[in-house]
């Protein structure tokens, strides 16, 4: 199953798994961990898209890095809003997994 798994694949697998779990009710510490994972992976994707001159994806993942940053967190106060954003974020990580 994991024969084709490469080290860089962690940058799209970890965010997807974390965001799927974040849809469930979890303790606040989990959401801080989620922010760290998503922000780090988004920075990785944004940098690689910047190097390959894919401007749109650079902006998308740059936005995710800002939205999920753990230093100055963005609070939306509604779980349903975060659930929709998490699903959109999962989608973008999944469709761009092979481009990086």
PDB file of N, CA and C in Angstrom:
ATOM      1  N   UNK A   1       0.816  -1.195   0.000  1.00  0.00           N
ATOM      2  CA  UNK A   1       0.000   0.000   0.000  1.00  0.00           C
ATOM      3  C   UNK A   1       0.863   1.265   0.000  1.00  0.00           C
ATOM      4  N   UNK A   2       1.901   1.280   0.806  1.00  0.00           N
ATOM      5  CA  UNK A   2       2.745   2.462   0.920  1.00  0.00           C
ATOM      6  C   UNK A   2       4.026   2.342   0.112  1.00  0.00           C
ATOM      7  N   UNK A   3       4.046   1.476  -0.889  1.00  0.00           N
ATOM      8  CA  UNK A   3       5.245   1.286  -1.704  1.00  0.00           C
ATOM      9  C   UNK A   3       5.599   2.548  -2.493  1.00  0.00           C
ATOM     10  N   UNK A   4       4.595   3.262  -2.960  1.00  0.00           N
ATOM     11  CA  UNK A   4       4.832   4.453  -3.768  1.00  0.00           C
ATOM     12  C   UNK A   4       4.829   5.735  -2.935  1.00  0.00           C
ATOM     13  N   UNK A   5       4.738   5.602  -1.626  1.00  0.00           N
ATOM     14  CA  UNK A   5       4.690   6.759  -0.736  1.00  0.00           C
ATOM     15  C   UNK A   5       6.071   7.401  -0.642  1.00  0.00           C
ATOM     16  N   UNK A   6       6.152   8.674  -0.996  1.00  0.00           N
ATOM     17  CA  UNK A   6       7.423   9.397  -0.941  1.00  0.00           C
ATOM     18  C   UNK A   6       7.419  10.323   0.269  1.00  0.00           C
ATOM     19  N   UNK A   7       8.593  10.755   0.679  1.00  0.00           N
ATOM     20  CA  UNK A   7       8.706  11.603   1.847  1.00  0.00           C
ATOM     21  C   UNK A   7       7.924  12.909   1.682  1.00  0.00           C
ATOM     22  N   UNK A   8       7.918  13.487   0.486  1.00  0.00           N
ATOM     23  CA  UNK A   8       7.206  14.743   0.268  1.00  0.00           C
ATOM     24  C   UNK A   8       5.682  14.569   0.316  1.00  0.00           C
ATOM     25  N   UNK A   9       5.194  13.331   0.191  1.00  0.00           N
ATOM     26  CA  UNK A   9       3.751  13.088   0.244  1.00  0.00           C
ATOM     27  C   UNK A   9       3.148  13.434   1.604  1.00  0.00           C
ATOM     28  N   UNK A  10       3.963  13.507   2.623  1.00  0.00           N
ATOM     29  CA  UNK A  10       3.468  13.862   3.948  1.00  0.00           C
ATOM     30  C   UNK A  10       2.862  15.265   3.942  1.00  0.00           C
ATOM     31  N   UNK A  11       3.310  16.123   3.011  1.00  0.00           N
ATOM     32  CA  UNK A  11       2.822  17.493   2.956  1.00  0.00           C
ATOM     33  C   UNK A  11       1.417  17.616   2.377  1.00  0.00           C
ATOM     34  N   UNK A  12       0.875  16.548   1.794  1.00  0.00           N
ATOM     35  CA  UNK A  12      -0.531  16.584   1.405  1.00  0.00           C
ATOM     36  C   UNK A  12      -1.347  15.555   2.162  1.00  0.00           C
ATOM     37  N   UNK A  13      -0.741  14.475   2.618  1.00  0.00           N
ATOM     38  CA  UNK A  13      -1.483  13.457   3.374  1.00  0.00           C
ATOM     39  C   UNK A  13      -1.833  13.963   4.773  1.00  0.00           C
ATOM     40  N   UNK A  14      -0.847  14.513   5.476  1.00  0.00           N
ATOM     41  CA  UNK A  14      -1.075  14.983   6.851  1.00  0.00           C
ATOM     42  C   UNK A  14      -2.160  16.063   6.923  1.00  0.00           C
ATOM     43  N   UNK A  15      -2.145  17.077   6.036  1.00  0.00           N
ATOM     44  CA  UNK A  15      -3.217  18.078   6.106  1.00  0.00           C
ATOM     45  C   UNK A  15      -4.599  17.501   5.843  1.00  0.00           C
ATOM     46  N   UNK A  16      -4.695  16.591   4.894  1.00  0.00           N
ATOM     47  CA  UNK A  16      -6.006  16.018   4.579  1.00  0.00           C
ATOM     48  C   UNK A  16      -6.542  15.220   5.760  1.00  0.00           C
ATOM     49  N   UNK A  17      -5.711  14.380   6.353  1.00  0.00           N
ATOM     50  CA  UNK A  17      -6.151  13.589   7.510  1.00  0.00           C
ATOM     51  C   UNK A  17      -6.522  14.508   8.669  1.00  0.00           C
ATOM     52  N   UNK A  18      -5.679  15.504   8.923  1.00  0.00           N
ATOM     53  CA  UNK A  18      -5.928  16.433  10.022  1.00  0.00           C
ATOM     54  C   UNK A  18      -7.222  17.210   9.811  1.00  0.00           C
ATOM     55  N   UNK A  19      -7.445  17.676   8.597  1.00  0.00           N
ATOM     56  CA  UNK A  19      -8.660  18.446   8.325  1.00  0.00           C
ATOM     57  C   UNK A  19      -9.915  17.580   8.380  1.00  0.00           C
ATOM     58  N   UNK A  20      -9.800  16.327   7.997  1.00  0.00           N
ATOM     59  CA  UNK A  20     -10.947  15.416   8.121  1.00  0.00           C
ATOM     60  C   UNK A  20     -11.302  15.228   9.597  1.00  0.00           C
ATOM     61  N   UNK A  21     -10.298  15.073  10.436  1.00  0.00           N
ATOM     62  CA  UNK A  21     -10.542  14.935  11.878  1.00  0.00           C
ATOM     63  C   UNK A  21     -11.055  16.231  12.486  1.00  0.00           C
ATOM     64  N   UNK A  22     -10.631  17.375  11.928  1.00  0.00           N
ATOM     65  CA  UNK A  22     -11.038  18.672  12.470  1.00  0.00           C
ATOM     66  C   UNK A  22     -12.521  18.945  12.269  1.00  0.00           C
ATOM     67  N   UNK A  23     -13.157  18.220  11.393  1.00  0.00           N
ATOM     68  CA  UNK A  23     -14.600  18.371  11.203  1.00  0.00           C
ATOM     69  C   UNK A  23     -15.365  17.866  12.425  1.00  0.00           C
ATOM     70  N   UNK A  24     -14.769  16.901  13.119  1.00  0.00           N
ATOM     71  CA  UNK A  24     -15.373  16.366  14.338  1.00  0.00           C
ATOM     72  C   UNK A  24     -15.141  17.319  15.509  1.00  0.00           C
ATOM     73  N   UNK A  25     -15.972  17.226  16.551  1.00  0.00           N
ATOM     74  CA  UNK A  25     -15.705  18.049  17.745  1.00  0.00           C
ATOM     75  C   UNK A  25     -14.452  17.535  18.462  1.00  0.00           C
ATOM     76  N   UNK A  26     -13.460  18.395  18.596  1.00  0.00           N
ATOM     77  CA  UNK A  26     -12.186  18.024  19.204  1.00  0.00           C
ATOM     78  C   UNK A  26     -11.810  19.068  20.253  1.00  0.00           C
ATOM     79  N   UNK A  27     -10.855  18.721  21.128  1.00  0.00           N
ATOM     80  CA  UNK A  27     -10.385  19.724  22.094  1.00  0.00           C
ATOM     81  C   UNK A  27      -9.606  20.840  21.400  1.00  0.00           C
ATOM     82  N   UNK A  28      -9.517  21.987  22.051  1.00  0.00           N
ATOM     83  CA  UNK A  28      -8.896  23.168  21.447  1.00  0.00           C
ATOM     84  C   UNK A  28      -7.445  22.934  21.060  1.00  0.00           C
ATOM     85  N   UNK A  29      -6.739  22.115  21.792  1.00  0.00           N
ATOM     86  CA  UNK A  29      -5.343  21.821  21.476  1.00  0.00           C
ATOM     87  C   UNK A  29      -5.185  21.159  20.116  1.00  0.00           C
ATOM     88  N   UNK A  30      -6.155  20.354  19.730  1.00  0.00           N
ATOM     89  CA  UNK A  30      -6.101  19.707  18.419  1.00  0.00           C
ATOM     90  C   UNK A  30      -6.163  20.744  17.302  1.00  0.00           C
ATOM     91  N   UNK A  31      -6.983  21.770  17.496  1.00  0.00           N
ATOM     92  CA  UNK A  31      -7.118  22.792  16.451  1.00  0.00           C
ATOM     93  C   UNK A  31      -5.844  23.629  16.328  1.00  0.00           C
ATOM     94  N   UNK A  32      -5.123  23.791  17.428  1.00  0.00           N
ATOM     95  CA  UNK A  32      -3.823  24.463  17.358  1.00  0.00           C
ATOM     96  C   UNK A  32      -2.847  23.611  16.558  1.00  0.00           C
ATOM     97  N   UNK A  33      -2.840  22.309  16.806  1.00  0.00           N
ATOM     98  CA  UNK A  33      -2.003  21.396  16.033  1.00  0.00           C
ATOM     99  C   UNK A  33      -2.405  21.423  14.558  1.00  0.00           C
ATOM    100  N   UNK A  34      -3.692  21.489  14.301  1.00  0.00           N
ATOM    101  CA  UNK A  34      -4.197  21.571  12.931  1.00  0.00           C
ATOM    102  C   UNK A  34      -3.645  22.811  12.234  1.00  0.00           C
ATOM    103  N   UNK A  35      -3.666  23.938  12.918  1.00  0.00           N
ATOM    104  CA  UNK A  35      -3.143  25.179  12.344  1.00  0.00           C
ATOM    105  C   UNK A  35      -1.663  25.038  11.988  1.00  0.00           C
ATOM    106  N   UNK A  36      -0.896  24.417  12.859  1.00  0.00           N
ATOM    107  CA  UNK A  36       0.536  24.242  12.608  1.00  0.00           C
ATOM    108  C   UNK A  36       0.763  23.374  11.367  1.00  0.00           C
ATOM    109  N   UNK A  37       0.052  22.260  11.291  1.00  0.00           N
ATOM    110  CA  UNK A  37       0.216  21.330  10.170  1.00  0.00           C
ATOM    111  C   UNK A  37      -0.221  21.968   8.855  1.00  0.00           C
ATOM    112  N   UNK A  38      -1.383  22.599   8.849  1.00  0.00           N
ATOM    113  CA  UNK A  38      -1.907  23.180   7.610  1.00  0.00           C
ATOM    114  C   UNK A  38      -1.060  24.371   7.174  1.00  0.00           C
ATOM    115  N   UNK A  39      -0.668  25.203   8.109  1.00  0.00           N
ATOM    116  CA  UNK A  39       0.164  26.364   7.769  1.00  0.00           C
ATOM    117  C   UNK A  39       1.496  25.908   7.191  1.00  0.00           C
ATOM    118  N   UNK A  40       2.148  24.958   7.836  1.00  0.00           N
ATOM    119  CA  UNK A  40       3.435  24.465   7.343  1.00  0.00           C
ATOM    120  C   UNK A  40       3.327  23.832   5.966  1.00  0.00           C
ATOM    121  N   UNK A  41       2.313  23.020   5.775  1.00  0.00           N
ATOM    122  CA  UNK A  41       2.119  22.377   4.474  1.00  0.00           C
ATOM    123  C   UNK A  41       1.755  23.402   3.400  1.00  0.00           C
ATOM    124  N   UNK A  42       0.972  24.396   3.763  1.00  0.00           N
ATOM    125  CA  UNK A  42       0.602  25.437   2.805  1.00  0.00           C
ATOM    126  C   UNK A  42       1.810  26.253   2.378  1.00  0.00           C
ATOM    127  N   UNK A  43       2.686  26.547   3.318  1.00  0.00           N
ATOM    128  CA  UNK A  43       3.913  27.272   2.984  1.00  0.00           C
ATOM    129  C   UNK A  43       4.769  26.431   2.034  1.00  0.00           C
ATOM    130  N   UNK A  44       4.869  25.136   2.311  1.00  0.00           N
ATOM    131  CA  UNK A  44       5.622  24.226   1.441  1.00  0.00           C
ATOM    132  C   UNK A  44       5.059  24.241   0.019  1.00  0.00           C
ATOM    133  N   UNK A  45       3.735  24.111  -0.099  1.00  0.00           N
ATOM    134  CA  UNK A  45       3.095  24.117  -1.417  1.00  0.00           C
ATOM    135  C   UNK A  45       3.276  25.470  -2.097  1.00  0.00           C
ATOM    136  N   UNK A  46       3.030  26.562  -1.354  1.00  0.00           N
ATOM    137  CA  UNK A  46       3.147  27.901  -1.940  1.00  0.00           C
ATOM    138  C   UNK A  46       4.558  28.147  -2.458  1.00  0.00           C
ATOM    139  N   UNK A  47       5.556  27.747  -1.700  1.00  0.00           N
ATOM    140  CA  UNK A  47       6.947  27.941  -2.132  1.00  0.00           C
ATOM    141  C   UNK A  47       7.247  27.146  -3.398  1.00  0.00           C
ATOM    142  N   UNK A  48       6.800  25.896  -3.445  1.00  0.00           N
ATOM    143  CA  UNK A  48       7.053  25.079  -4.635  1.00  0.00           C
ATOM    144  C   UNK A  48       6.297  25.600  -5.853  1.00  0.00           C
ATOM    145  N   UNK A  49       5.091  26.101  -5.656  1.00  0.00           N
ATOM    146  CA  UNK A  49       4.366  26.694  -6.778  1.00  0.00           C
ATOM    147  C   UNK A  49       5.012  28.009  -7.214  1.00  0.00           C
ATOM    148  N   UNK A  50       5.555  28.744  -6.268  1.00  0.00           N
ATOM    149  CA  UNK A  50       6.268  29.979  -6.605  1.00  0.00           C
ATOM    150  C   UNK A  50       7.494  29.666  -7.460  1.00  0.00           C
ATOM    151  N   UNK A  51       8.233  28.625  -7.079  1.00  0.00           N
ATOM    152  CA  UNK A  51       9.413  28.237  -7.850  1.00  0.00           C
ATOM    153  C   UNK A  51       9.049  27.793  -9.253  1.00  0.00           C
ATOM    154  N   UNK A  52       7.898  27.136  -9.409  1.00  0.00           N
ATOM    155  CA  UNK A  52       7.485  26.672 -10.730  1.00  0.00           C
ATOM    156  C   UNK A  52       6.614  27.694 -11.465  1.00  0.00           C
ATOM    157  N   UNK A  53       6.522  28.892 -10.901  1.00  0.00           N
ATOM    158  CA  UNK A  53       5.827  30.031 -11.519  1.00  0.00           C
ATOM    159  C   UNK A  53       4.333  29.791 -11.745  1.00  0.00           C
ATOM    160  N   UNK A  54       3.705  29.049 -10.855  1.00  0.00           N
ATOM    161  CA  UNK A  54       2.252  28.867 -10.894  1.00  0.00           C
ATOM    162  C   UNK A  54       1.634  29.881  -9.934  1.00  0.00           C
ATOM    163  N   UNK A  55       1.314  31.045 -10.469  1.00  0.00           N
ATOM    164  CA  UNK A  55       0.904  32.186  -9.658  1.00  0.00           C
ATOM    165  C   UNK A  55      -0.393  31.928  -8.892  1.00  0.00           C
ATOM    166  N   UNK A  56      -1.396  31.381  -9.560  1.00  0.00           N
ATOM    167  CA  UNK A  56      -2.695  31.166  -8.915  1.00  0.00           C
ATOM    168  C   UNK A  56      -2.561  30.243  -7.710  1.00  0.00           C
ATOM    169  N   UNK A  57      -1.881  29.117  -7.884  1.00  0.00           N
ATOM    170  CA  UNK A  57      -1.717  28.194  -6.763  1.00  0.00           C
ATOM    171  C   UNK A  57      -0.836  28.779  -5.667  1.00  0.00           C
ATOM    172  N   UNK A  58       0.121  29.607  -6.029  1.00  0.00           N
ATOM    173  CA  UNK A  58       0.939  30.278  -5.017  1.00  0.00           C
ATOM    174  C   UNK A  58       0.055  31.150  -4.129  1.00  0.00           C
ATOM    175  N   UNK A  59      -0.843  31.893  -4.742  1.00  0.00           N
ATOM    176  CA  UNK A  59      -1.755  32.757  -3.977  1.00  0.00           C
ATOM    177  C   UNK A  59      -2.738  31.937  -3.138  1.00  0.00           C
ATOM    178  N   UNK A  60      -3.256  30.858  -3.684  1.00  0.00           N
ATOM    179  CA  UNK A  60      -4.212  30.031  -2.949  1.00  0.00           C
ATOM    180  C   UNK A  60      -3.563  29.458  -1.691  1.00  0.00           C
ATOM    181  N   UNK A  61      -2.387  28.860  -1.845  1.00  0.00           N
ATOM    182  CA  UNK A  61      -1.748  28.250  -0.684  1.00  0.00           C
ATOM    183  C   UNK A  61      -1.140  29.300   0.241  1.00  0.00           C
ATOM    184  N   UNK A  62      -0.786  30.459  -0.283  1.00  0.00           N
ATOM    185  CA  UNK A  62      -0.374  31.568   0.572  1.00  0.00           C
ATOM    186  C   UNK A  62      -1.528  32.033   1.440  1.00  0.00           C
ATOM    187  N   UNK A  63      -2.727  32.086   0.847  1.00  0.00           N
ATOM    188  CA  UNK A  63      -3.923  32.437   1.612  1.00  0.00           C
ATOM    189  C   UNK A  63      -4.187  31.404   2.709  1.00  0.00           C
ATOM    190  N   UNK A  64      -4.069  30.115   2.387  1.00  0.00           N
ATOM    191  CA  UNK A  64      -4.260  29.075   3.400  1.00  0.00           C
ATOM    192  C   UNK A  64      -3.237  29.210   4.526  1.00  0.00           C
ATOM    193  N   UNK A  65      -1.999  29.550   4.183  1.00  0.00           N
ATOM    194  CA  UNK A  65      -0.960  29.724   5.205  1.00  0.00           C
ATOM    195  C   UNK A  65      -1.338  30.854   6.160  1.00  0.00           C
ATOM    196  N   UNK A  66      -1.881  31.929   5.629  1.00  0.00           N
ATOM    197  CA  UNK A  66      -2.298  33.049   6.482  1.00  0.00           C
ATOM    198  C   UNK A  66      -3.533  32.681   7.293  1.00  0.00           C
ATOM    199  N   UNK A  67      -4.498  32.054   6.646  1.00  0.00           N
ATOM    200  CA  UNK A  67      -5.748  31.695   7.324  1.00  0.00           C
ATOM    201  C   UNK A  67      -5.523  30.729   8.478  1.00  0.00           C
ATOM    202  N   UNK A  68      -4.639  29.762   8.292  1.00  0.00           N
ATOM    203  CA  UNK A  68      -4.410  28.729   9.298  1.00  0.00           C
ATOM    204  C   UNK A  68      -3.182  29.011  10.170  1.00  0.00           C
ATOM    205  N   UNK A  69      -2.588  30.205  10.077  1.00  0.00           N
ATOM    206  CA  UNK A  69      -1.359  30.449  10.829  1.00  0.00           C
ATOM    207  C   UNK A  69      -1.616  30.368  12.335  1.00  0.00           C
ATOM    208  N   UNK A  70      -0.709  29.732  13.083  1.00  0.00           N
ATOM    209  CA  UNK A  70      -0.912  29.568  14.526  1.00  0.00           C
ATOM    210  C   UNK A  70      -0.428  30.759  15.357  1.00  0.00           C
ATOM    211  N   UNK A  71       0.313  31.679  14.767  1.00  0.00           N
ATOM    212  CA  UNK A  71       0.872  32.796  15.531  1.00  0.00           C
ATOM    213  C   UNK A  71      -0.164  33.891  15.749  1.00  0.00           C
ATOM    214  N   UNK A  72      -0.828  34.294  14.676  1.00  0.00           N
ATOM    215  CA  UNK A  72      -1.921  35.270  14.770  1.00  0.00           C
ATOM    216  C   UNK A  72      -3.159  34.582  14.206  1.00  0.00           C
ATOM    217  N   UNK A  73      -3.842  33.783  15.037  1.00  0.00           N
ATOM    218  CA  UNK A  73      -4.954  32.976  14.518  1.00  0.00           C
ATOM    219  C   UNK A  73      -6.144  33.814  14.048  1.00  0.00           C
ATOM    220  N   UNK A  74      -6.790  33.308  13.026  1.00  0.00           N
ATOM    221  CA  UNK A  74      -8.031  33.897  12.523  1.00  0.00           C
ATOM    222  C   UNK A  74      -9.170  33.153  13.202  1.00  0.00           C
ATOM    223  N   UNK A  75     -10.036  33.890  13.866  1.00  0.00           N
ATOM    224  CA  UNK A  75     -11.179  33.285  14.543  1.00  0.00           C
ATOM    225  C   UNK A  75     -12.444  33.606  13.760  1.00  0.00           C
ATOM    226  N   UNK A  76     -13.157  32.577  13.351  1.00  0.00           N
ATOM    227  CA  UNK A  76     -14.414  32.769  12.630  1.00  0.00           C
ATOM    228  C   UNK A  76     -15.622  32.472  13.513  1.00  0.00           C
ATOM    229  N   UNK A  77     -15.410  31.892  14.677  1.00  0.00           N
ATOM    230  CA  UNK A  77     -16.398  31.679  15.741  1.00  0.00           C
ATOM    231  C   UNK A  77     -17.545  30.752  15.402  1.00  0.00           C
ATOM    232  N   UNK A  78     -17.640  30.267  14.210  1.00  0.00           N
ATOM    233  CA  UNK A  78     -18.702  29.332  13.827  1.00  0.00           C
ATOM    234  C   UNK A  78     -18.084  28.058  13.282  1.00  0.00           C
ATOM    235  N   UNK A  79     -18.441  26.936  13.851  1.00  0.00           N
ATOM    236  CA  UNK A  79     -17.902  25.638  13.424  1.00  0.00           C
ATOM    237  C   UNK A  79     -18.278  25.327  11.979  1.00  0.00           C
ATOM    238  N   UNK A  80     -19.473  25.693  11.559  1.00  0.00           N
ATOM    239  CA  UNK A  80     -19.916  25.378  10.201  1.00  0.00           C
ATOM    240  C   UNK A  80     -19.078  26.125   9.161  1.00  0.00           C
ATOM    241  N   UNK A  81     -18.674  27.359   9.458  1.00  0.00           N
ATOM    242  CA  UNK A  81     -17.825  28.108   8.524  1.00  0.00           C
ATOM    243  C   UNK A  81     -16.477  27.416   8.386  1.00  0.00           C
ATOM    244  N   UNK A  82     -15.896  27.004   9.532  1.00  0.00           N
ATOM    245  CA  UNK A  82     -14.612  26.305   9.478  1.00  0.00           C
ATOM    246  C   UNK A  82     -14.748  24.962   8.763  1.00  0.00           C
ATOM    247  N   UNK A  83     -15.881  24.296   8.930  1.00  0.00           N
ATOM    248  CA  UNK A  83     -16.093  23.013   8.252  1.00  0.00           C
ATOM    249  C   UNK A  83     -16.079  23.199   6.737  1.00  0.00           C
ATOM    250  N   UNK A  84     -16.748  24.212   6.249  1.00  0.00           N
ATOM    251  CA  UNK A  84     -16.768  24.492   4.802  1.00  0.00           C
ATOM    252  C   UNK A  84     -15.360  24.840   4.328  1.00  0.00           C
ATOM    253  N   UNK A  85     -14.658  25.688   5.068  1.00  0.00           N
ATOM    254  CA  UNK A  85     -13.284  26.061   4.690  1.00  0.00           C
ATOM    255  C   UNK A  85     -12.376  24.844   4.713  1.00  0.00           C
ATOM    256  N   UNK A  86     -12.544  23.977   5.702  1.00  0.00           N
ATOM    257  CA  UNK A  86     -11.732  22.753   5.770  1.00  0.00           C
ATOM    258  C   UNK A  86     -11.962  21.864   4.552  1.00  0.00           C
ATOM    259  N   UNK A  87     -13.204  21.738   4.122  1.00  0.00           N
ATOM    260  CA  UNK A  87     -13.518  20.910   2.959  1.00  0.00           C
ATOM    261  C   UNK A  87     -12.896  21.510   1.692  1.00  0.00           C
ATOM    262  N   UNK A  88     -12.973  22.828   1.545  1.00  0.00           N
ATOM    263  CA  UNK A  88     -12.351  23.496   0.401  1.00  0.00           C
ATOM    264  C   UNK A  88     -10.835  23.297   0.440  1.00  0.00           C
ATOM    265  N   UNK A  89     -10.253  23.412   1.622  1.00  0.00           N
ATOM    266  CA  UNK A  89      -8.809  23.226   1.771  1.00  0.00           C
ATOM    267  C   UNK A  89      -8.403  21.794   1.434  1.00  0.00           C
ATOM    268  N   UNK A  90      -9.175  20.821   1.892  1.00  0.00           N
ATOM    269  CA  UNK A  90      -8.921  19.416   1.554  1.00  0.00           C
ATOM    270  C   UNK A  90      -8.913  19.248   0.031  1.00  0.00           C
ATOM    271  N   UNK A  91      -9.897  19.830  -0.623  1.00  0.00           N
ATOM    272  CA  UNK A  91     -10.010  19.734  -2.073  1.00  0.00           C
ATOM    273  C   UNK A  91      -8.745  20.262  -2.756  1.00  0.00           C
ATOM    274  N   UNK A  92      -8.279  21.446  -2.343  1.00  0.00           N
ATOM    275  CA  UNK A  92      -7.101  22.035  -2.995  1.00  0.00           C
ATOM    276  C   UNK A  92      -5.834  21.237  -2.716  1.00  0.00           C
ATOM    277  N   UNK A  93      -5.683  20.711  -1.504  1.00  0.00           N
ATOM    278  CA  UNK A  93      -4.521  19.864  -1.237  1.00  0.00           C
ATOM    279  C   UNK A  93      -4.581  18.599  -2.095  1.00  0.00           C
ATOM    280  N   UNK A  94      -5.760  18.022  -2.217  1.00  0.00           N
ATOM    281  CA  UNK A  94      -5.890  16.777  -2.960  1.00  0.00           C
ATOM    282  C   UNK A  94      -5.636  16.963  -4.461  1.00  0.00           C
ATOM    283  N   UNK A  95      -6.225  17.990  -5.061  1.00  0.00           N
ATOM    284  CA  UNK A  95      -6.057  18.146  -6.510  1.00  0.00           C
ATOM    285  C   UNK A  95      -4.642  18.597  -6.888  1.00  0.00           C
ATOM    286  N   UNK A  96      -3.914  19.169  -5.957  1.00  0.00           N
ATOM    287  CA  UNK A  96      -2.554  19.642  -6.249  1.00  0.00           C
ATOM    288  C   UNK A  96      -1.470  18.716  -5.715  1.00  0.00           C
ATOM    289  N   UNK A  97      -1.831  17.552  -5.243  1.00  0.00           N
ATOM    290  CA  UNK A  97      -0.867  16.646  -4.607  1.00  0.00           C
ATOM    291  C   UNK A  97       0.232  16.196  -5.553  1.00  0.00           C
ATOM    292  N   UNK A  98      -0.054  16.058  -6.833  1.00  0.00           N
ATOM    293  CA  UNK A  98       0.946  15.553  -7.783  1.00  0.00           C
ATOM    294  C   UNK A  98       1.719  16.668  -8.462  1.00  0.00           C
ATOM    295  N   UNK A  99       1.310  17.911  -8.270  1.00  0.00           N
ATOM    296  CA  UNK A  99       1.988  19.029  -8.921  1.00  0.00           C
ATOM    297  C   UNK A  99       3.236  19.457  -8.177  1.00  0.00           C
ATOM    298  N   UNK A 100       3.328  19.102  -6.923  1.00  0.00           N
ATOM    299  CA  UNK A 100       4.479  19.543  -6.124  1.00  0.00           C
ATOM    300  C   UNK A 100       5.491  18.437  -6.039  1.00  0.00           C
TER     301      UNK A 100
END
